[in-house]
C-alpha cells in the first residue's frame, strides 16, 4: 500500500508511515515528513484516536515551524490542544 495516497488502515502500515516521517524529518526533508505525518494524522482521525491525533498534530506543527510556515504550525498546535479536550455538543 502506498501510504501517502491513502489512509493506512492497519497498525503495521501506520507504523511504517510514521517511521518514514521520522526519517524524513531527521534528514530535514520536511515536505516529505509533512506528507507522511499527515497520512498518520488522517489515520488517527479515522480511528477516532485523540491521543494519536494530538501526537501527529504536534509533529506536523514542528515540521511547519522548521519550514517557517508559522500559520500552519499554529493551526496544528491548536488541533493538538483541541484533541486534548473532551468533545461536547454544547
PDB file of N, CA and C in Angstrom:
ATOM      1  N   UNK A   1       0.844  -1.180   0.000  1.00  0.00           N
ATOM      2  CA  UNK A   1       0.000   0.000   0.000  1.00  0.00           C
ATOM      3  C   UNK A   1       0.884   1.235   0.000  1.00  0.00           C
ATOM      4  N   UNK A   2       0.541   2.202  -0.803  1.00  0.00           N
ATOM      5  CA  UNK A   2       1.259   3.465  -0.828  1.00  0.00           C
ATOM      6  C   UNK A   2       0.680   4.366   0.248  1.00  0.00           C
ATOM      7  N   UNK A   3       1.418   4.575   1.309  1.00  0.00           N
ATOM      8  CA  UNK A   3       0.910   5.260   2.500  1.00  0.00           C
ATOM      9  C   UNK A   3       0.558   6.719   2.249  1.00  0.00           C
ATOM     10  N   UNK A   4       1.180   7.351   1.267  1.00  0.00           N
ATOM     11  CA  UNK A   4       0.902   8.758   1.055  1.00  0.00           C
ATOM     12  C   UNK A   4      -0.337   8.987   0.209  1.00  0.00           C
ATOM     13  N   UNK A   5      -0.843   7.960  -0.444  1.00  0.00           N
ATOM     14  CA  UNK A   5      -2.011   8.160  -1.295  1.00  0.00           C
ATOM     15  C   UNK A   5      -3.309   7.760  -0.616  1.00  0.00           C
ATOM     16  N   UNK A   6      -3.233   7.048   0.490  1.00  0.00           N
ATOM     17  CA  UNK A   6      -4.438   6.658   1.197  1.00  0.00           C
ATOM     18  C   UNK A   6      -4.138   6.532   2.678  1.00  0.00           C
ATOM     19  N   UNK A   7      -5.174   6.479   3.459  1.00  0.00           N
ATOM     20  CA  UNK A   7      -5.025   6.379   4.907  1.00  0.00           C
ATOM     21  C   UNK A   7      -4.616   4.958   5.264  1.00  0.00           C
ATOM     22  N   UNK A   8      -3.501   4.795   5.998  1.00  0.00           N
ATOM     23  CA  UNK A   8      -3.121   3.447   6.425  1.00  0.00           C
ATOM     24  C   UNK A   8      -4.219   2.844   7.293  1.00  0.00           C
ATOM     25  N   UNK A   9      -4.619   1.634   6.958  1.00  0.00           N
ATOM     26  CA  UNK A   9      -5.760   1.060   7.666  1.00  0.00           C
ATOM     27  C   UNK A   9      -5.366   0.098   8.773  1.00  0.00           C
ATOM     28  N   UNK A  10      -4.113  -0.302   8.828  1.00  0.00           N
ATOM     29  CA  UNK A  10      -3.701  -1.225   9.880  1.00  0.00           C
ATOM     30  C   UNK A  10      -2.501  -0.644  10.615  1.00  0.00           C
ATOM     31  N   UNK A  11      -2.233  -1.200  11.767  1.00  0.00           N
ATOM     32  CA  UNK A  11      -1.187  -0.652  12.636  1.00  0.00           C
ATOM     33  C   UNK A  11       0.207  -0.785  12.024  1.00  0.00           C
ATOM     34  N   UNK A  12       0.442  -1.838  11.253  1.00  0.00           N
ATOM     35  CA  UNK A  12       1.749  -2.021  10.622  1.00  0.00           C
ATOM     36  C   UNK A  12       1.993  -0.925   9.584  1.00  0.00           C
ATOM     37  N   UNK A  13       0.991  -0.653   8.760  1.00  0.00           N
ATOM     38  CA  UNK A  13       1.125   0.416   7.768  1.00  0.00           C
ATOM     39  C   UNK A  13       1.301   1.769   8.441  1.00  0.00           C
ATOM     40  N   UNK A  14       0.556   1.993   9.501  1.00  0.00           N
ATOM     41  CA  UNK A  14       0.680   3.247  10.235  1.00  0.00           C
ATOM     42  C   UNK A  14       2.088   3.397  10.806  1.00  0.00           C
ATOM     43  N   UNK A  15       2.602   2.334  11.384  1.00  0.00           N
ATOM     44  CA  UNK A  15       3.959   2.377  11.967  1.00  0.00           C
ATOM     45  C   UNK A  15       5.016   2.625  10.892  1.00  0.00           C
ATOM     46  N   UNK A  16       4.869   1.979   9.749  1.00  0.00           N
ATOM     47  CA  UNK A  16       5.826   2.192   8.655  1.00  0.00           C
ATOM     48  C   UNK A  16       5.768   3.636   8.154  1.00  0.00           C
ATOM     49  N   UNK A  17       4.574   4.178   8.046  1.00  0.00           N
ATOM     50  CA  UNK A  17       4.420   5.564   7.615  1.00  0.00           C
ATOM     51  C   UNK A  17       5.040   6.503   8.641  1.00  0.00           C
ATOM     52  N   UNK A  18       4.844   6.211   9.908  1.00  0.00           N
ATOM     53  CA  UNK A  18       5.440   7.019  10.967  1.00  0.00           C
ATOM     54  C   UNK A  18       6.969   6.952  10.888  1.00  0.00           C
ATOM     55  N   UNK A  19       7.517   5.781  10.664  1.00  0.00           N
ATOM     56  CA  UNK A  19       8.972   5.637  10.536  1.00  0.00           C
ATOM     57  C   UNK A  19       9.504   6.440   9.349  1.00  0.00           C
ATOM     58  N   UNK A  20       8.782   6.413   8.240  1.00  0.00           N
ATOM     59  CA  UNK A  20       9.191   7.201   7.069  1.00  0.00           C
ATOM     60  C   UNK A  20       9.171   8.696   7.402  1.00  0.00           C
ATOM     61  N   UNK A  21       8.156   9.115   8.130  1.00  0.00           N
ATOM     62  CA  UNK A  21       8.056  10.520   8.517  1.00  0.00           C
ATOM     63  C   UNK A  21       9.218  10.918   9.427  1.00  0.00           C
ATOM     64  N   UNK A  22       9.513  10.074  10.397  1.00  0.00           N
ATOM     65  CA  UNK A  22      10.623  10.365  11.317  1.00  0.00           C
ATOM     66  C   UNK A  22      11.948  10.440  10.565  1.00  0.00           C
ATOM     67  N   UNK A  23      12.153   9.522   9.649  1.00  0.00           N
ATOM     68  CA  UNK A  23      13.388   9.513   8.866  1.00  0.00           C
ATOM     69  C   UNK A  23      13.494  10.793   8.020  1.00  0.00           C
ATOM     70  N   UNK A  24      12.413  11.151   7.356  1.00  0.00           N
ATOM     71  CA  UNK A  24      12.418  12.356   6.534  1.00  0.00           C
ATOM     72  C   UNK A  24      12.684  13.597   7.388  1.00  0.00           C
ATOM     73  N   UNK A  25      12.041  13.689   8.546  1.00  0.00           N
ATOM     74  CA  UNK A  25      12.257  14.837   9.429  1.00  0.00           C
ATOM     75  C   UNK A  25      13.707  14.874   9.915  1.00  0.00           C
ATOM     76  N   UNK A  26      14.253  13.706  10.224  1.00  0.00           N
ATOM     77  CA  UNK A  26      15.643  13.633  10.667  1.00  0.00           C
ATOM     78  C   UNK A  26      16.630  14.062   9.599  1.00  0.00           C
ATOM     79  N   UNK A  27      16.242  13.919   8.340  1.00  0.00           N
ATOM     80  CA  UNK A  27      17.087  14.330   7.217  1.00  0.00           C
ATOM     81  C   UNK A  27      16.743  15.741   6.729  1.00  0.00           C
ATOM     82  N   UNK A  28      15.909  16.445   7.484  1.00  0.00           N
ATOM     83  CA  UNK A  28      15.455  17.802   7.157  1.00  0.00           C
ATOM     84  C   UNK A  28      14.694  17.851   5.833  1.00  0.00           C
ATOM     85  N   UNK A  29      14.029  16.764   5.497  1.00  0.00           N
ATOM     86  CA  UNK A  29      13.171  16.705   4.306  1.00  0.00           C
ATOM     87  C   UNK A  29      11.728  16.937   4.780  1.00  0.00           C
ATOM     88  N   UNK A  30      11.468  18.160   5.184  1.00  0.00           N
ATOM     89  CA  UNK A  30      10.223  18.458   5.878  1.00  0.00           C
ATOM     90  C   UNK A  30       8.985  18.317   5.001  1.00  0.00           C
ATOM     91  N   UNK A  31       9.109  18.559   3.699  1.00  0.00           N
ATOM     92  CA  UNK A  31       7.951  18.378   2.826  1.00  0.00           C
ATOM     93  C   UNK A  31       7.514  16.911   2.817  1.00  0.00           C
ATOM     94  N   UNK A  32       8.482  16.016   2.768  1.00  0.00           N
ATOM     95  CA  UNK A  32       8.165  14.586   2.826  1.00  0.00           C
ATOM     96  C   UNK A  32       7.630  14.208   4.195  1.00  0.00           C
ATOM     97  N   UNK A  33       8.255  14.717   5.228  1.00  0.00           N
ATOM     98  CA  UNK A  33       7.802  14.411   6.590  1.00  0.00           C
ATOM     99  C   UNK A  33       6.358  14.837   6.777  1.00  0.00           C
ATOM    100  N   UNK A  34       6.009  16.019   6.281  1.00  0.00           N
ATOM    101  CA  UNK A  34       4.632  16.503   6.390  1.00  0.00           C
ATOM    102  C   UNK A  34       3.685  15.561   5.652  1.00  0.00           C
ATOM    103  N   UNK A  35       4.089  15.117   4.492  1.00  0.00           N
ATOM    104  CA  UNK A  35       3.255  14.201   3.718  1.00  0.00           C
ATOM    105  C   UNK A  35       2.949  12.934   4.513  1.00  0.00           C
ATOM    106  N   UNK A  36       3.966  12.355   5.113  1.00  0.00           N
ATOM    107  CA  UNK A  36       3.782  11.123   5.888  1.00  0.00           C
ATOM    108  C   UNK A  36       3.061  11.372   7.212  1.00  0.00           C
ATOM    109  N   UNK A  37       3.441  12.437   7.914  1.00  0.00           N
ATOM    110  CA  UNK A  37       2.758  12.731   9.184  1.00  0.00           C
ATOM    111  C   UNK A  37       1.284  13.033   8.945  1.00  0.00           C
ATOM    112  N   UNK A  38       0.974  13.677   7.812  1.00  0.00           N
ATOM    113  CA  UNK A  38      -0.421  13.971   7.507  1.00  0.00           C
ATOM    114  C   UNK A  38      -1.211  12.675   7.308  1.00  0.00           C
ATOM    115  N   UNK A  39      -0.593  11.702   6.632  1.00  0.00           N
ATOM    116  CA  UNK A  39      -1.251  10.394   6.462  1.00  0.00           C
ATOM    117  C   UNK A  39      -1.490   9.746   7.823  1.00  0.00           C
ATOM    118  N   UNK A  40      -0.524   9.870   8.715  1.00  0.00           N
ATOM    119  CA  UNK A  40      -0.675   9.315  10.069  1.00  0.00           C
ATOM    120  C   UNK A  40      -1.783  10.042  10.827  1.00  0.00           C
ATOM    121  N   UNK A  41      -1.810  11.367  10.702  1.00  0.00           N
ATOM    122  CA  UNK A  41      -2.845  12.156  11.367  1.00  0.00           C
ATOM    123  C   UNK A  41      -4.228  11.744  10.869  1.00  0.00           C
ATOM    124  N   UNK A  42      -4.363  11.576   9.562  1.00  0.00           N
ATOM    125  CA  UNK A  42      -5.651  11.173   8.996  1.00  0.00           C
ATOM    126  C   UNK A  42      -6.055   9.779   9.462  1.00  0.00           C
ATOM    127  N   UNK A  43      -5.070   8.883   9.591  1.00  0.00           N
ATOM    128  CA  UNK A  43      -5.375   7.545  10.100  1.00  0.00           C
ATOM    129  C   UNK A  43      -5.857   7.617  11.546  1.00  0.00           C
ATOM    130  N   UNK A  44      -5.218   8.452  12.340  1.00  0.00           N
ATOM    131  CA  UNK A  44      -5.636   8.620  13.738  1.00  0.00           C
ATOM    132  C   UNK A  44      -7.036   9.216  13.811  1.00  0.00           C
ATOM    133  N   UNK A  45      -7.300  10.151  12.916  1.00  0.00           N
ATOM    134  CA  UNK A  45      -8.629  10.759  12.868  1.00  0.00           C
ATOM    135  C   UNK A  45      -9.679   9.712  12.476  1.00  0.00           C
ATOM    136  N   UNK A  46      -9.352   8.901  11.485  1.00  0.00           N
ATOM    137  CA  UNK A  46     -10.246   7.837  11.033  1.00  0.00           C
ATOM    138  C   UNK A  46     -10.529   6.833  12.153  1.00  0.00           C
ATOM    139  N   UNK A  47      -9.474   6.541  12.940  1.00  0.00           N
ATOM    140  CA  UNK A  47      -9.608   5.593  14.048  1.00  0.00           C
ATOM    141  C   UNK A  47     -10.220   6.246  15.290  1.00  0.00           C
ATOM    142  N   UNK A  48     -10.470   7.539  15.213  1.00  0.00           N
ATOM    143  CA  UNK A  48     -11.018   8.304  16.331  1.00  0.00           C
ATOM    144  C   UNK A  48     -10.157   8.155  17.587  1.00  0.00           C
ATOM    145  N   UNK A  49      -8.853   8.363  17.394  1.00  0.00           N
ATOM    146  CA  UNK A  49      -7.870   8.242  18.462  1.00  0.00           C
ATOM    147  C   UNK A  49      -7.323   9.636  18.786  1.00  0.00           C
ATOM    148  N   UNK A  50      -7.896  10.312  19.789  1.00  0.00           N
ATOM    149  CA  UNK A  50      -7.490  11.691  20.063  1.00  0.00           C
ATOM    150  C   UNK A  50      -6.030  11.836  20.496  1.00  0.00           C
ATOM    151  N   UNK A  51      -5.491  10.863  21.196  1.00  0.00           N
ATOM    152  CA  UNK A  51      -4.082  10.970  21.629  1.00  0.00           C
ATOM    153  C   UNK A  51      -3.143  10.869  20.434  1.00  0.00           C
ATOM    154  N   UNK A  52      -3.456   9.983  19.501  1.00  0.00           N
ATOM    155  CA  UNK A  52      -2.632   9.868  18.290  1.00  0.00           C
ATOM    156  C   UNK A  52      -2.789  11.120  17.429  1.00  0.00           C
ATOM    157  N   UNK A  53      -4.007  11.640  17.357  1.00  0.00           N
ATOM    158  CA  UNK A  53      -4.223  12.879  16.607  1.00  0.00           C
ATOM    159  C   UNK A  53      -3.389  14.010  17.201  1.00  0.00           C
ATOM    160  N   UNK A  54      -3.376  14.097  18.519  1.00  0.00           N
ATOM    161  CA  UNK A  54      -2.589  15.128  19.187  1.00  0.00           C
ATOM    162  C   UNK A  54      -1.098  14.954  18.877  1.00  0.00           C
ATOM    163  N   UNK A  55      -0.609  13.722  18.981  1.00  0.00           N
ATOM    164  CA  UNK A  55       0.799  13.434  18.712  1.00  0.00           C
ATOM    165  C   UNK A  55       1.186  13.857  17.299  1.00  0.00           C
ATOM    166  N   UNK A  56       0.402  13.432  16.302  1.00  0.00           N
ATOM    167  CA  UNK A  56       0.749  13.739  14.921  1.00  0.00           C
ATOM    168  C   UNK A  56       0.515  15.204  14.587  1.00  0.00           C
ATOM    169  N   UNK A  57      -0.445  15.852  15.213  1.00  0.00           N
ATOM    170  CA  UNK A  57      -0.635  17.290  15.010  1.00  0.00           C
ATOM    171  C   UNK A  57       0.582  18.062  15.504  1.00  0.00           C
ATOM    172  N   UNK A  58       1.143  17.641  16.637  1.00  0.00           N
ATOM    173  CA  UNK A  58       2.347  18.296  17.153  1.00  0.00           C
ATOM    174  C   UNK A  58       3.553  18.042  16.250  1.00  0.00           C
ATOM    175  N   UNK A  59       3.653  16.835  15.704  1.00  0.00           N
ATOM    176  CA  UNK A  59       4.738  16.536  14.763  1.00  0.00           C
ATOM    177  C   UNK A  59       4.614  17.410  13.516  1.00  0.00           C
ATOM    178  N   UNK A  60       3.378  17.551  13.020  1.00  0.00           N
ATOM    179  CA  UNK A  60       3.156  18.418  11.863  1.00  0.00           C
ATOM    180  C   UNK A  60       3.509  19.863  12.193  1.00  0.00           C
ATOM    181  N   UNK A  61       3.120  20.329  13.364  1.00  0.00           N
ATOM    182  CA  UNK A  61       3.439  21.695  13.773  1.00  0.00           C
ATOM    183  C   UNK A  61       4.952  21.912  13.807  1.00  0.00           C
ATOM    184  N   UNK A  62       5.687  20.944  14.332  1.00  0.00           N
ATOM    185  CA  UNK A  62       7.150  21.056  14.377  1.00  0.00           C
ATOM    186  C   UNK A  62       7.737  21.178  12.971  1.00  0.00           C
ATOM    187  N   UNK A  63       7.244  20.359  12.058  1.00  0.00           N
ATOM    188  CA  UNK A  63       7.744  20.409  10.679  1.00  0.00           C
ATOM    189  C   UNK A  63       7.427  21.756  10.036  1.00  0.00           C
ATOM    190  N   UNK A  64       6.202  22.222  10.215  1.00  0.00           N
ATOM    191  CA  UNK A  64       5.831  23.501   9.621  1.00  0.00           C
ATOM    192  C   UNK A  64       6.654  24.645  10.213  1.00  0.00           C
ATOM    193  N   UNK A  65       6.995  24.560  11.483  1.00  0.00           N
ATOM    194  CA  UNK A  65       7.872  25.584  12.072  1.00  0.00           C
ATOM    195  C   UNK A  65       9.248  25.552  11.418  1.00  0.00           C
ATOM    196  N   UNK A  66       9.772  24.364  11.196  1.00  0.00           N
ATOM    197  CA  UNK A  66      11.078  24.242  10.533  1.00  0.00           C
ATOM    198  C   UNK A  66      11.032  24.810   9.118  1.00  0.00           C
ATOM    199  N   UNK A  67       9.859  24.753   8.499  1.00  0.00           N
ATOM    200  CA  UNK A  67       9.684  25.270   7.141  1.00  0.00           C
ATOM    201  C   UNK A  67       9.306  26.751   7.145  1.00  0.00           C
ATOM    202  N   UNK A  68       9.220  27.350   8.350  1.00  0.00           N
ATOM    203  CA  UNK A  68       8.845  28.755   8.530  1.00  0.00           C
ATOM    204  C   UNK A  68       7.432  29.053   8.042  1.00  0.00           C
ATOM    205  N   UNK A  69       6.574  28.062   8.138  1.00  0.00           N
ATOM    206  CA  UNK A  69       5.157  28.238   7.825  1.00  0.00           C
ATOM    207  C   UNK A  69       4.415  28.376   9.150  1.00  0.00           C
ATOM    208  N   UNK A  70       4.531  29.557   9.726  1.00  0.00           N
ATOM    209  CA  UNK A  70       4.088  29.801  11.091  1.00  0.00           C
ATOM    210  C   UNK A  70       2.587  29.597  11.280  1.00  0.00           C
ATOM    211  N   UNK A  71       1.782  30.034  10.312  1.00  0.00           N
ATOM    212  CA  UNK A  71       0.330  29.918  10.446  1.00  0.00           C
ATOM    213  C   UNK A  71      -0.095  28.454  10.455  1.00  0.00           C
ATOM    214  N   UNK A  72       0.491  27.644   9.575  1.00  0.00           N
ATOM    215  CA  UNK A  72       0.157  26.217   9.563  1.00  0.00           C
ATOM    216  C   UNK A  72       0.598  25.558  10.865  1.00  0.00           C
ATOM    217  N   UNK A  73       1.771  25.923  11.351  1.00  0.00           N
ATOM    218  CA  UNK A  73       2.246  25.377  12.621  1.00  0.00           C
ATOM    219  C   UNK A  73       1.283  25.734  13.743  1.00  0.00           C
ATOM    220  N   UNK A  74       0.839  26.976  13.757  1.00  0.00           N
ATOM    221  CA  UNK A  74      -0.109  27.435  14.778  1.00  0.00           C
ATOM    222  C   UNK A  74      -1.429  26.667  14.678  1.00  0.00           C
ATOM    223  N   UNK A  75      -1.893  26.437  13.452  1.00  0.00           N
ATOM    224  CA  UNK A  75      -3.147  25.702  13.255  1.00  0.00           C
ATOM    225  C   UNK A  75      -3.052  24.272  13.784  1.00  0.00           C
ATOM    226  N   UNK A  76      -1.934  23.609  13.532  1.00  0.00           N
ATOM    227  CA  UNK A  76      -1.796  22.229  14.011  1.00  0.00           C
ATOM    228  C   UNK A  76      -1.575  22.177  15.521  1.00  0.00           C
ATOM    229  N   UNK A  77      -0.940  23.192  16.082  1.00  0.00           N
ATOM    230  CA  UNK A  77      -0.838  23.237  17.546  1.00  0.00           C
ATOM    231  C   UNK A  77      -2.236  23.397  18.163  1.00  0.00           C
ATOM    232  N   UNK A  78      -3.077  24.200  17.526  1.00  0.00           N
ATOM    233  CA  UNK A  78      -4.453  24.365  18.001  1.00  0.00           C
ATOM    234  C   UNK A  78      -5.222  23.053  17.887  1.00  0.00           C
ATOM    235  N   UNK A  79      -5.000  22.304  16.814  1.00  0.00           N
ATOM    236  CA  UNK A  79      -5.632  20.989  16.679  1.00  0.00           C
ATOM    237  C   UNK A  79      -5.178  20.053  17.792  1.00  0.00           C
ATOM    238  N   UNK A  80      -3.906  20.114  18.125  1.00  0.00           N
ATOM    239  CA  UNK A  80      -3.382  19.262  19.198  1.00  0.00           C
ATOM    240  C   UNK A  80      -4.042  19.617  20.526  1.00  0.00           C
ATOM    241  N   UNK A  81      -4.220  20.888  20.780  1.00  0.00           N
ATOM    242  CA  UNK A  81      -4.885  21.318  22.016  1.00  0.00           C
ATOM    243  C   UNK A  81      -6.343  20.880  22.023  1.00  0.00           C
ATOM    244  N   UNK A  82      -7.001  20.972  20.879  1.00  0.00           N
ATOM    245  CA  UNK A  82      -8.407  20.574  20.787  1.00  0.00           C
ATOM    246  C   UNK A  82      -8.561  19.072  20.988  1.00  0.00           C
ATOM    247  N   UNK A  83      -7.602  18.291  20.510  1.00  0.00           N
ATOM    248  CA  UNK A  83      -7.665  16.832  20.655  1.00  0.00           C
ATOM    249  C   UNK A  83      -7.515  16.425  22.113  1.00  0.00           C
ATOM    250  N   UNK A  84      -6.930  17.312  22.916  1.00  0.00           N
ATOM    251  CA  UNK A  84      -6.708  17.012  24.326  1.00  0.00           C
ATOM    252  C   UNK A  84      -7.955  17.241  25.174  1.00  0.00           C
ATOM    253  N   UNK A  85      -8.939  17.947  24.603  1.00  0.00           N
ATOM    254  CA  UNK A  85     -10.153  18.271  25.355  1.00  0.00           C
ATOM    255  C   UNK A  85     -11.279  17.347  24.958  1.00  0.00           C
ATOM    256  N   UNK A  86     -12.134  16.981  25.900  1.00  0.00           N
ATOM    257  CA  UNK A  86     -13.279  16.131  25.558  1.00  0.00           C
ATOM    258  C   UNK A  86     -14.244  16.870  24.642  1.00  0.00           C
ATOM    259  N   UNK A  87     -14.813  16.140  23.710  1.00  0.00           N
ATOM    260  CA  UNK A  87     -15.774  16.716  22.775  1.00  0.00           C
ATOM    261  C   UNK A  87     -17.130  16.877  23.439  1.00  0.00           C
ATOM    262  N   UNK A  88     -17.784  17.983  23.118  1.00  0.00           N
ATOM    263  CA  UNK A  88     -19.112  18.226  23.653  1.00  0.00           C
ATOM    264  C   UNK A  88     -19.977  18.861  22.575  1.00  0.00           C
ATOM    265  N   UNK A  89     -21.235  18.484  22.526  1.00  0.00           N
ATOM    266  CA  UNK A  89     -22.162  19.065  21.565  1.00  0.00           C
ATOM    267  C   UNK A  89     -22.724  20.397  22.040  1.00  0.00           C
ATOM    268  N   UNK A  90     -22.446  20.778  23.278  1.00  0.00           N
ATOM    269  CA  UNK A  90     -22.987  22.029  23.840  1.00  0.00           C
ATOM    270  C   UNK A  90     -22.387  23.248  23.204  1.00  0.00           C
TER     271      UNK A  90
END
